[in-house]
Amino acid sequence: MTLPPQASPPQIPSFLVDEMLQRLGRWLRAAGYDVVMAKEGDSDFDLLRRAINEGRLLISRDRQLARMRRAENTVILLQADSLEACAQELAGCLLINWQMAPFSRCLQCNTLLNPATTEQHQVVPDDIDSPVYYCPRCQQVFWDGSHVRRMREQLARWQARDYCPSHD
């Protein structure tokens, strides 16, 4: 008996965002995506080469970059200016799930977070009643403060507004 081939799960994209779209990059990180931010002064050639070498999609508003040789299938050129419009436009071209794995990555350095140890809990205010996470790279401790709650609400609004197809 021969079994039918298993469909492989859709690959979750990783991203490189240029200098113009750093805010969008932080929101993608907040949603759980692997996002590298371009450094100030990185050339278009270096950005494109890095994206290709690391298998990342390069998100930009730079038309010149999108016209470069080998940019096809690597550069996502956004036309929008505002954060809201960029989020909507990106979700229109990719299957962005704004609720994929919220706050599973460090917003500063992109590292996957670990549950905090008892010792790391010492820096958290006593009235916090949420899970606490720790970044092993930059050694920051994270918990759901009011700013994280507001960000979670924004991610939920983007997901609910059909910024992307359903990801059941």
C-alpha atoms as a PDB file:
ATOM      1  CA  MET A   1       0.000   0.000   0.000  1.00  0.00           C
ATOM      2  CA  THR A   2       1.386   3.379  -0.971  1.00  0.00           C
ATOM      3  CA  LEU A   3       0.557   6.375   1.151  1.00  0.00           C
ATOM      4  CA  PRO A   4      -0.059   9.714  -0.533  1.00  0.00           C
ATOM      5  CA  PRO A   5       2.743  12.216  -0.073  1.00  0.00           C
ATOM      6  CA  GLN A   6       2.300  14.468   2.926  1.00  0.00           C
ATOM      7  CA  ALA A   7       1.819  18.115   2.158  1.00  0.00           C
ATOM      8  CA  SER A   8       4.584  20.054   3.810  1.00  0.00           C
ATOM      9  CA  PRO A   9       3.444  22.815   6.127  1.00  0.00           C
ATOM     10  CA  PRO A  10       3.710  26.300   4.658  1.00  0.00           C
ATOM     11  CA  GLN A  11       7.097  27.813   5.385  1.00  0.00           C
ATOM     12  CA  ILE A  12       7.020  30.785   7.721  1.00  0.00           C
ATOM     13  CA  PRO A  13       8.886  33.627   6.057  1.00  0.00           C
ATOM     14  CA  SER A  14      11.715  35.499   7.698  1.00  0.00           C
ATOM     15  CA  PHE A  15      12.334  39.120   6.843  1.00  0.00           C
ATOM     16  CA  LEU A  16      14.913  41.841   6.439  1.00  0.00           C
ATOM     17  CA  VAL A  17      13.465  45.351   6.612  1.00  0.00           C
ATOM     18  CA  ASP A  18      15.235  48.414   5.318  1.00  0.00           C
ATOM     19  CA  GLU A  19      15.759  51.618   7.299  1.00  0.00           C
ATOM     20  CA  MET A  20      12.463  53.132   6.145  1.00  0.00           C
ATOM     21  CA  LEU A  21      10.342  50.314   7.579  1.00  0.00           C
ATOM     22  CA  GLN A  22      11.836  49.707  11.027  1.00  0.00           C
ATOM     23  CA  ARG A  23       8.472  50.277  12.776  1.00  0.00           C
ATOM     24  CA  LEU A  24       6.793  47.676  10.581  1.00  0.00           C
ATOM     25  CA  GLY A  25       9.686  45.336  11.357  1.00  0.00           C
ATOM     26  CA  ARG A  26       9.114  45.734  15.108  1.00  0.00           C
ATOM     27  CA  TRP A  27       5.425  44.889  14.660  1.00  0.00           C
ATOM     28  CA  LEU A  28       6.320  41.794  12.635  1.00  0.00           C
ATOM     29  CA  ARG A  29       8.657  40.771  15.487  1.00  0.00           C
ATOM     30  CA  ALA A  30       5.851  41.422  17.964  1.00  0.00           C
ATOM     31  CA  ALA A  31       3.693  39.031  15.922  1.00  0.00           C
ATOM     32  CA  GLY A  32       6.426  36.390  16.199  1.00  0.00           C
ATOM     33  CA  TYR A  33       8.242  36.661  12.878  1.00  0.00           C
ATOM     34  CA  ASP A  34      12.028  36.448  12.499  1.00  0.00           C
ATOM     35  CA  VAL A  35      12.923  39.995  11.419  1.00  0.00           C
ATOM     36  CA  VAL A  36      16.354  41.527  10.938  1.00  0.00           C
ATOM     37  CA  MET A  37      16.569  45.311  10.770  1.00  0.00           C
ATOM     38  CA  ALA A  38      18.917  46.967   8.283  1.00  0.00           C
ATOM     39  CA  LYS A  39      21.683  49.003   9.814  1.00  0.00           C
ATOM     40  CA  GLU A  40      21.971  52.686   9.048  1.00  0.00           C
ATOM     41  CA  GLY A  41      23.959  53.178   5.878  1.00  0.00           C
ATOM     42  CA  ASP A  42      23.674  49.603   4.538  1.00  0.00           C
ATOM     43  CA  SER A  43      23.870  49.765   0.750  1.00  0.00           C
ATOM     44  CA  ASP A  44      21.077  48.392  -1.409  1.00  0.00           C
ATOM     45  CA  PHE A  45      23.514  45.812  -2.793  1.00  0.00           C
ATOM     46  CA  ASP A  46      24.466  44.644   0.725  1.00  0.00           C
ATOM     47  CA  LEU A  47      20.816  44.419   1.783  1.00  0.00           C
ATOM     48  CA  LEU A  48      19.850  42.375  -1.249  1.00  0.00           C
ATOM     49  CA  ARG A  49      22.870  40.098  -0.895  1.00  0.00           C
ATOM     50  CA  ARG A  50      22.117  39.522   2.798  1.00  0.00           C
ATOM     51  CA  ALA A  51      18.449  38.748   2.100  1.00  0.00           C
ATOM     52  CA  ILE A  52      19.387  36.228  -0.598  1.00  0.00           C
ATOM     53  CA  ASN A  53      22.161  34.617   1.482  1.00  0.00           C
ATOM     54  CA  GLU A  54      19.918  34.263   4.548  1.00  0.00           C
ATOM     55  CA  GLY A  55      16.761  33.264   2.659  1.00  0.00           C
ATOM     56  CA  ARG A  56      14.886  36.357   3.863  1.00  0.00           C
ATOM     57  CA  LEU A  57      12.296  38.481   2.122  1.00  0.00           C
ATOM     58  CA  LEU A  58      13.510  42.076   1.948  1.00  0.00           C
ATOM     59  CA  ILE A  59      10.745  44.578   2.686  1.00  0.00           C
ATOM     60  CA  SER A  60      11.388  48.045   1.307  1.00  0.00           C
ATOM     61  CA  ARG A  61       9.829  51.140  -0.194  1.00  0.00           C
ATOM     62  CA  ASP A  62      12.973  51.757  -2.283  1.00  0.00           C
ATOM     63  CA  ARG A  63      12.031  51.411  -5.955  1.00  0.00           C
ATOM     64  CA  GLN A  64      15.701  51.372  -7.014  1.00  0.00           C
ATOM     65  CA  LEU A  65      16.356  48.367  -4.796  1.00  0.00           C
ATOM     66  CA  ALA A  66      13.370  46.512  -6.233  1.00  0.00           C
ATOM     67  CA  ARG A  67      14.751  47.017  -9.770  1.00  0.00           C
ATOM     68  CA  MET A  68      18.135  45.462  -8.971  1.00  0.00           C
ATOM     69  CA  ARG A  69      19.157  42.253 -10.647  1.00  0.00           C
ATOM     70  CA  ARG A  70      18.127  39.230  -8.512  1.00  0.00           C
ATOM     71  CA  ALA A  71      15.567  41.316  -6.574  1.00  0.00           C
ATOM     72  CA  GLU A  72      12.625  39.432  -8.046  1.00  0.00           C
ATOM     73  CA  ASN A  73      11.163  36.965  -5.521  1.00  0.00           C
ATOM     74  CA  THR A  74      13.276  38.543  -2.762  1.00  0.00           C
ATOM     75  CA  VAL A  75      12.193  42.193  -2.494  1.00  0.00           C
ATOM     76  CA  ILE A  76       8.690  43.136  -1.424  1.00  0.00           C
ATOM     77  CA  LEU A  77       8.149  46.711  -2.527  1.00  0.00           C
ATOM     78  CA  LEU A  78       5.553  48.558  -0.463  1.00  0.00           C
ATOM     79  CA  GLN A  79       3.906  51.711  -1.788  1.00  0.00           C
ATOM     80  CA  ALA A  80       2.195  52.768   1.440  1.00  0.00           C
ATOM     81  CA  ASP A  81       3.533  55.433   3.782  1.00  0.00           C
ATOM     82  CA  SER A  82       1.776  54.942   7.124  1.00  0.00           C
ATOM     83  CA  LEU A  83       2.324  52.001   9.445  1.00  0.00           C
ATOM     84  CA  GLU A  84      -1.332  50.965   9.146  1.00  0.00           C
ATOM     85  CA  ALA A  85      -1.246  51.073   5.360  1.00  0.00           C
ATOM     86  CA  CYS A  86       2.100  49.219   5.211  1.00  0.00           C
ATOM     87  CA  ALA A  87       0.738  46.465   7.475  1.00  0.00           C
ATOM     88  CA  GLN A  88      -2.351  46.124   5.292  1.00  0.00           C
ATOM     89  CA  GLU A  89      -0.365  46.155   2.044  1.00  0.00           C
ATOM     90  CA  LEU A  90       2.125  43.561   3.303  1.00  0.00           C
ATOM     91  CA  ALA A  91      -0.673  41.284   4.494  1.00  0.00           C
ATOM     92  CA  GLY A  92      -2.250  41.681   1.053  1.00  0.00           C
ATOM     93  CA  CYS A  93       0.797  40.145  -0.618  1.00  0.00           C
ATOM     94  CA  LEU A  94       1.810  37.563   1.991  1.00  0.00           C
ATOM     95  CA  LEU A  95       0.032  35.307   4.426  1.00  0.00           C
ATOM     96  CA  ILE A  96       0.827  37.445   7.462  1.00  0.00           C
ATOM     97  CA  ASN A  97      -0.678  36.099  10.654  1.00  0.00           C
ATOM     98  CA  TRP A  98      -0.541  38.958  13.146  1.00  0.00           C
ATOM     99  CA  GLN A  99      -1.408  36.446  15.885  1.00  0.00           C
ATOM    100  CA  MET A 100       1.184  33.821  14.911  1.00  0.00           C
ATOM    101  CA  ALA A 101       3.260  33.808  18.130  1.00  0.00           C
ATOM    102  CA  PRO A 102       2.867  37.198  19.794  1.00  0.00           C
ATOM    103  CA  PHE A 103       5.796  38.376  21.890  1.00  0.00           C
ATOM    104  CA  SER A 104       7.825  35.205  21.453  1.00  0.00           C
ATOM    105  CA  ARG A 105      10.837  37.190  20.183  1.00  0.00           C
ATOM    106  CA  CYS A 106      12.863  39.953  21.746  1.00  0.00           C
ATOM    107  CA  LEU A 107      11.728  43.218  20.198  1.00  0.00           C
ATOM    108  CA  GLN A 108      15.271  44.577  20.535  1.00  0.00           C
ATOM    109  CA  CYS A 109      17.472  41.791  19.140  1.00  0.00           C
ATOM    110  CA  ASN A 110      15.053  39.269  17.516  1.00  0.00           C
ATOM    111  CA  THR A 111      16.126  36.326  19.720  1.00  0.00           C
ATOM    112  CA  LEU A 112      13.501  33.781  20.755  1.00  0.00           C
ATOM    113  CA  LEU A 113      12.488  34.372  24.377  1.00  0.00           C
ATOM    114  CA  ASN A 114      12.719  31.823  27.193  1.00  0.00           C
ATOM    115  CA  PRO A 115      10.553  31.558  30.298  1.00  0.00           C
ATOM    116  CA  ALA A 116      12.176  33.604  33.060  1.00  0.00           C
ATOM    117  CA  THR A 117      13.860  31.921  35.978  1.00  0.00           C
ATOM    118  CA  THR A 118      12.942  32.648  39.585  1.00  0.00           C
ATOM    119  CA  GLU A 119      15.954  34.956  39.798  1.00  0.00           C
ATOM    120  CA  GLN A 120      14.875  36.894  36.692  1.00  0.00           C
ATOM    121  CA  HIS A 121      11.390  37.338  38.199  1.00  0.00           C
ATOM    122  CA  GLN A 122      12.965  39.580  40.853  1.00  0.00           C
ATOM    123  CA  VAL A 123      12.977  42.594  38.501  1.00  0.00           C
ATOM    124  CA  VAL A 124       9.242  42.303  37.768  1.00  0.00           C
ATOM    125  CA  PRO A 125       6.809  44.497  39.745  1.00  0.00           C
ATOM    126  CA  ASP A 126       4.860  42.554  42.386  1.00  0.00           C
ATOM    127  CA  ASP A 127       1.471  43.323  40.846  1.00  0.00           C
ATOM    128  CA  ILE A 128       2.276  41.619  37.520  1.00  0.00           C
ATOM    129  CA  ASP A 129       0.148  38.539  36.956  1.00  0.00           C
ATOM    130  CA  SER A 130       1.363  37.445  33.535  1.00  0.00           C
ATOM    131  CA  PRO A 131       4.055  35.108  32.262  1.00  0.00           C
ATOM    132  CA  VAL A 132       7.568  36.548  32.392  1.00  0.00           C
ATOM    133  CA  TYR A 133      10.124  35.928  29.652  1.00  0.00           C
ATOM    134  CA  TYR A 134      13.836  36.455  29.319  1.00  0.00           C
ATOM    135  CA  CYS A 135      16.063  37.194  26.322  1.00  0.00           C
ATOM    136  CA  PRO A 136      19.196  35.063  26.541  1.00  0.00           C
ATOM    137  CA  ARG A 137      21.058  37.353  24.156  1.00  0.00           C
ATOM    138  CA  CYS A 138      20.445  40.865  25.478  1.00  0.00           C
ATOM    139  CA  GLN A 139      19.381  39.667  28.938  1.00  0.00           C
ATOM    140  CA  GLN A 140      16.204  41.730  29.110  1.00  0.00           C
ATOM    141  CA  VAL A 141      13.169  40.553  31.064  1.00  0.00           C
ATOM    142  CA  PHE A 142       9.706  40.957  29.522  1.00  0.00           C
ATOM    143  CA  TRP A 143       6.162  40.802  30.871  1.00  0.00           C
ATOM    144  CA  ASP A 144       2.744  42.035  29.791  1.00  0.00           C
ATOM    145  CA  GLY A 145       2.707  45.631  30.943  1.00  0.00           C
ATOM    146  CA  SER A 146       0.183  48.146  29.661  1.00  0.00           C
ATOM    147  CA  HIS A 147       2.210  48.838  26.491  1.00  0.00           C
ATOM    148  CA  VAL A 148       2.297  45.117  25.633  1.00  0.00           C
ATOM    149  CA  ARG A 149      -1.448  44.844  26.212  1.00  0.00           C
ATOM    150  CA  ARG A 150      -2.005  47.766  23.821  1.00  0.00           C
ATOM    151  CA  MET A 151       0.277  46.133  21.253  1.00  0.00           C
ATOM    152  CA  ARG A 152      -1.586  42.819  21.592  1.00  0.00           C
ATOM    153  CA  GLU A 153      -4.840  44.695  20.962  1.00  0.00           C
ATOM    154  CA  GLN A 154      -3.364  46.284  17.819  1.00  0.00           C
ATOM    155  CA  LEU A 155      -2.194  42.900  16.509  1.00  0.00           C
ATOM    156  CA  ALA A 156      -5.675  41.490  17.171  1.00  0.00           C
ATOM    157  CA  ARG A 157      -7.290  44.434  15.322  1.00  0.00           C
ATOM    158  CA  TRP A 158      -5.039  43.907  12.308  1.00  0.00           C
ATOM    159  CA  GLN A 159      -5.875  40.198  12.285  1.00  0.00           C
ATOM    160  CA  ALA A 160      -9.612  40.837  12.658  1.00  0.00           C
ATOM    161  CA  ARG A 161      -9.725  43.488   9.930  1.00  0.00           C
ATOM    162  CA  ASP A 162      -8.863  40.937   7.309  1.00  0.00           C
ATOM    163  CA  TYR A 163      -5.360  42.301   6.961  1.00  0.00           C
ATOM    164  CA  CYS A 164      -4.605  38.696   6.119  1.00  0.00           C
ATOM    165  CA  PRO A 165      -6.453  35.535   5.229  1.00  0.00           C
ATOM    166  CA  SER A 166      -7.586  33.258   8.027  1.00  0.00           C
ATOM    167  CA  HIS A 167      -4.828  31.022   9.383  1.00  0.00           C
ATOM    168  CA  ASP A 168      -6.719  28.172  11.002  1.00  0.00           C
END
